[in-house]
C-alpha atoms as a PDB file:
ATOM      1  CA  ASN A   1      -1.819  10.923  27.257  1.00  0.00           C
ATOM      2  CA  SER A   2      -5.236  11.745  25.689  1.00  0.00           C
ATOM      3  CA  LEU A   3      -4.259  11.424  22.114  1.00  0.00           C
ATOM      4  CA  MET A   4      -2.940   7.912  23.167  1.00  0.00           C
ATOM      5  CA  ILE A   5      -6.321   7.003  24.531  1.00  0.00           C
ATOM      6  CA  LEU A   6      -8.003   8.344  21.420  1.00  0.00           C
ATOM      7  CA  LEU A   7      -5.633   6.372  18.913  1.00  0.00           C
ATOM      8  CA  LYS A   8      -6.317   3.365  20.753  1.00  0.00           C
ATOM      9  CA  ARG A   9     -10.066   3.773  20.661  1.00  0.00           C
ATOM     10  CA  GLU A  10      -9.878   4.029  16.662  1.00  0.00           C
ATOM     11  CA  GLY A  11      -8.004   0.974  16.751  1.00  0.00           C
ATOM     12  CA  ILE A  12      -4.693   2.559  15.575  1.00  0.00           C
ATOM     13  CA  THR A  13      -1.397   0.772  16.778  1.00  0.00           C
ATOM     14  CA  ALA A  14       0.670   3.602  18.851  1.00  0.00           C
ATOM     15  CA  LYS A  15       3.611   3.640  20.972  1.00  0.00           C
ATOM     16  CA  GLN A  16       4.497   6.469  23.470  1.00  0.00           C
ATOM     17  CA  GLN A  17       8.223   7.454  23.896  1.00  0.00           C
ATOM     18  CA  SER A  18       9.047   4.451  21.454  1.00  0.00           C
ATOM     19  CA  PRO A  19      13.116   4.198  21.152  1.00  0.00           C
ATOM     20  CA  ILE A  20      13.764   4.157  17.512  1.00  0.00           C
ATOM     21  CA  THR A  21      17.442   3.048  16.659  1.00  0.00           C
ATOM     22  CA  VAL A  22      19.409   5.695  14.780  1.00  0.00           C
ATOM     23  CA  TYR A  23      21.992   4.331  12.134  1.00  0.00           C
ATOM     24  CA  PHE A  24      24.749   6.192  10.269  1.00  0.00           C
ATOM     25  CA  GLU A  25      26.670   4.542   7.430  1.00  0.00           C
ATOM     26  CA  GLY A  26      25.205   1.052   8.737  1.00  0.00           C
ATOM     27  CA  GLU A  27      26.430   1.762  12.482  1.00  0.00           C
ATOM     28  CA  ASN A  28      24.204   2.178  15.226  1.00  0.00           C
ATOM     29  CA  VAL A  29      24.944   5.435  16.433  1.00  0.00           C
ATOM     30  CA  GLY A  30      22.205   5.865  19.476  1.00  0.00           C
ATOM     31  CA  GLU A  31      18.364   5.979  19.813  1.00  0.00           C
ATOM     32  CA  TYR A  32      15.955   8.548  19.570  1.00  0.00           C
ATOM     33  CA  PHE A  33      12.528   8.434  21.265  1.00  0.00           C
ATOM     34  CA  ALA A  34       9.828   9.344  19.168  1.00  0.00           C
ATOM     35  CA  ASP A  35       6.817  11.406  21.005  1.00  0.00           C
ATOM     36  CA  ILE A  36       4.330   8.785  19.453  1.00  0.00           C
ATOM     37  CA  LEU A  37       5.304   6.404  16.848  1.00  0.00           C
ATOM     38  CA  ILE A  38       2.298   5.198  14.756  1.00  0.00           C
ATOM     39  CA  GLU A  39       1.848   1.738  13.183  1.00  0.00           C
ATOM     40  CA  ASP A  40       6.005   1.544  13.371  1.00  0.00           C
ATOM     41  CA  LYS A  41       5.404   4.208  10.116  1.00  0.00           C
ATOM     42  CA  ILE A  42       4.364   7.679  11.200  1.00  0.00           C
ATOM     43  CA  ILE A  43       6.449   9.825  13.645  1.00  0.00           C
ATOM     44  CA  LEU A  44       4.343  12.094  15.756  1.00  0.00           C
ATOM     45  CA  GLU A  45       6.240  14.913  16.914  1.00  0.00           C
ATOM     46  CA  LEU A  46       4.136  16.954  20.068  1.00  0.00           C
ATOM     47  CA  LYS A  47       4.943  20.745  20.524  1.00  0.00           C
ATOM     48  CA  SER A  48       3.226  23.263  22.659  1.00  0.00           C
ATOM     49  CA  GLY A  49       4.557  26.656  21.338  1.00  0.00           C
ATOM     50  CA  GLU A  50       3.615  29.730  19.582  1.00  0.00           C
ATOM     51  CA  ASN A  51       4.329  28.092  16.202  1.00  0.00           C
ATOM     52  CA  ILE A  52       6.037  25.299  14.400  1.00  0.00           C
ATOM     53  CA  VAL A  53       9.461  26.693  13.240  1.00  0.00           C
ATOM     54  CA  ALA A  54      12.256  26.007  11.151  1.00  0.00           C
ATOM     55  CA  ALA A  55      13.828  24.280  13.925  1.00  0.00           C
ATOM     56  CA  HIS A  56      11.160  21.752  14.766  1.00  0.00           C
ATOM     57  CA  ARG A  57      11.194  21.247  10.770  1.00  0.00           C
ATOM     58  CA  ALA A  58      14.713  20.379  10.555  1.00  0.00           C
ATOM     59  CA  GLN A  59      14.608  18.195  13.824  1.00  0.00           C
ATOM     60  CA  THR A  60      11.852  16.118  12.940  1.00  0.00           C
ATOM     61  CA  LEU A  61      13.335  15.672   9.141  1.00  0.00           C
ATOM     62  CA  ASN A  62      16.583  14.679  10.658  1.00  0.00           C
ATOM     63  CA  TYR A  63      14.729  11.884  12.806  1.00  0.00           C
ATOM     64  CA  LEU A  64      12.980  10.974   9.409  1.00  0.00           C
ATOM     65  CA  LYS A  65      16.323  10.508   7.751  1.00  0.00           C
ATOM     66  CA  ALA A  66      18.055   8.639  10.616  1.00  0.00           C
ATOM     67  CA  THR A  67      15.298   6.174  11.116  1.00  0.00           C
ATOM     68  CA  GLY A  68      14.516   5.536   7.327  1.00  0.00           C
ATOM     69  CA  LEU A  69      10.633   6.470   8.088  1.00  0.00           C
ATOM     70  CA  ASN A  70       9.102   8.634   5.236  1.00  0.00           C
ATOM     71  CA  LEU A  71       6.246  10.442   7.081  1.00  0.00           C
ATOM     72  CA  ALA A  72       6.226  12.653  10.133  1.00  0.00           C
ATOM     73  CA  ILE A  73       3.541  15.052  11.478  1.00  0.00           C
ATOM     74  CA  ILE A  74       4.339  17.776  13.955  1.00  0.00           C
ATOM     75  CA  LEU A  75       1.232  18.784  16.156  1.00  0.00           C
ATOM     76  CA  ASN A  76       1.547  21.902  18.128  1.00  0.00           C
ATOM     77  CA  PHE A  77      -0.921  22.258  20.632  1.00  0.00           C
ATOM     78  CA  GLY A  78       0.259  25.688  22.019  1.00  0.00           C
ATOM     79  CA  LYS A  79      -2.205  27.748  19.979  1.00  0.00           C
ATOM     80  CA  GLU A  80      -6.019  28.332  20.279  1.00  0.00           C
ATOM     81  CA  ARG A  81      -6.356  25.922  17.493  1.00  0.00           C
ATOM     82  CA  LEU A  82      -4.495  22.860  16.685  1.00  0.00           C
ATOM     83  CA  GLU A  83      -1.511  23.677  14.204  1.00  0.00           C
ATOM     84  CA  TYR A  84      -0.077  20.889  12.062  1.00  0.00           C
ATOM     85  CA  GLU A  85       2.544  20.244   9.531  1.00  0.00           C
ATOM     86  CA  ARG A  86       2.948  16.916   7.266  1.00  0.00           C
ATOM     87  CA  LEU A  87       6.659  16.167   6.259  1.00  0.00           C
ATOM     88  CA  VAL A  88       7.642  13.461   3.792  1.00  0.00           C
ATOM     89  CA  VAL A  89      11.062  12.337   2.655  1.00  0.00           C
END
């Protein structure tokens, strides 16, 4: 919620828990709810763990492929300092 306030303050359009329709071979196979969707172009995945791990990367890459978006950023707030990774397909 705090991040949403900061994004709004900066004039960045963002939607929290935004539904994204997922397609497979042109067929609607369900919905994924992005933690935060920025400008309908970038997925922000929010985590709170010891580290960003391979499972987080795989999950996020699957979201990118399924939605047709090209950029996602994983933010991990579980460490003393913010950890992040940028994923591009």
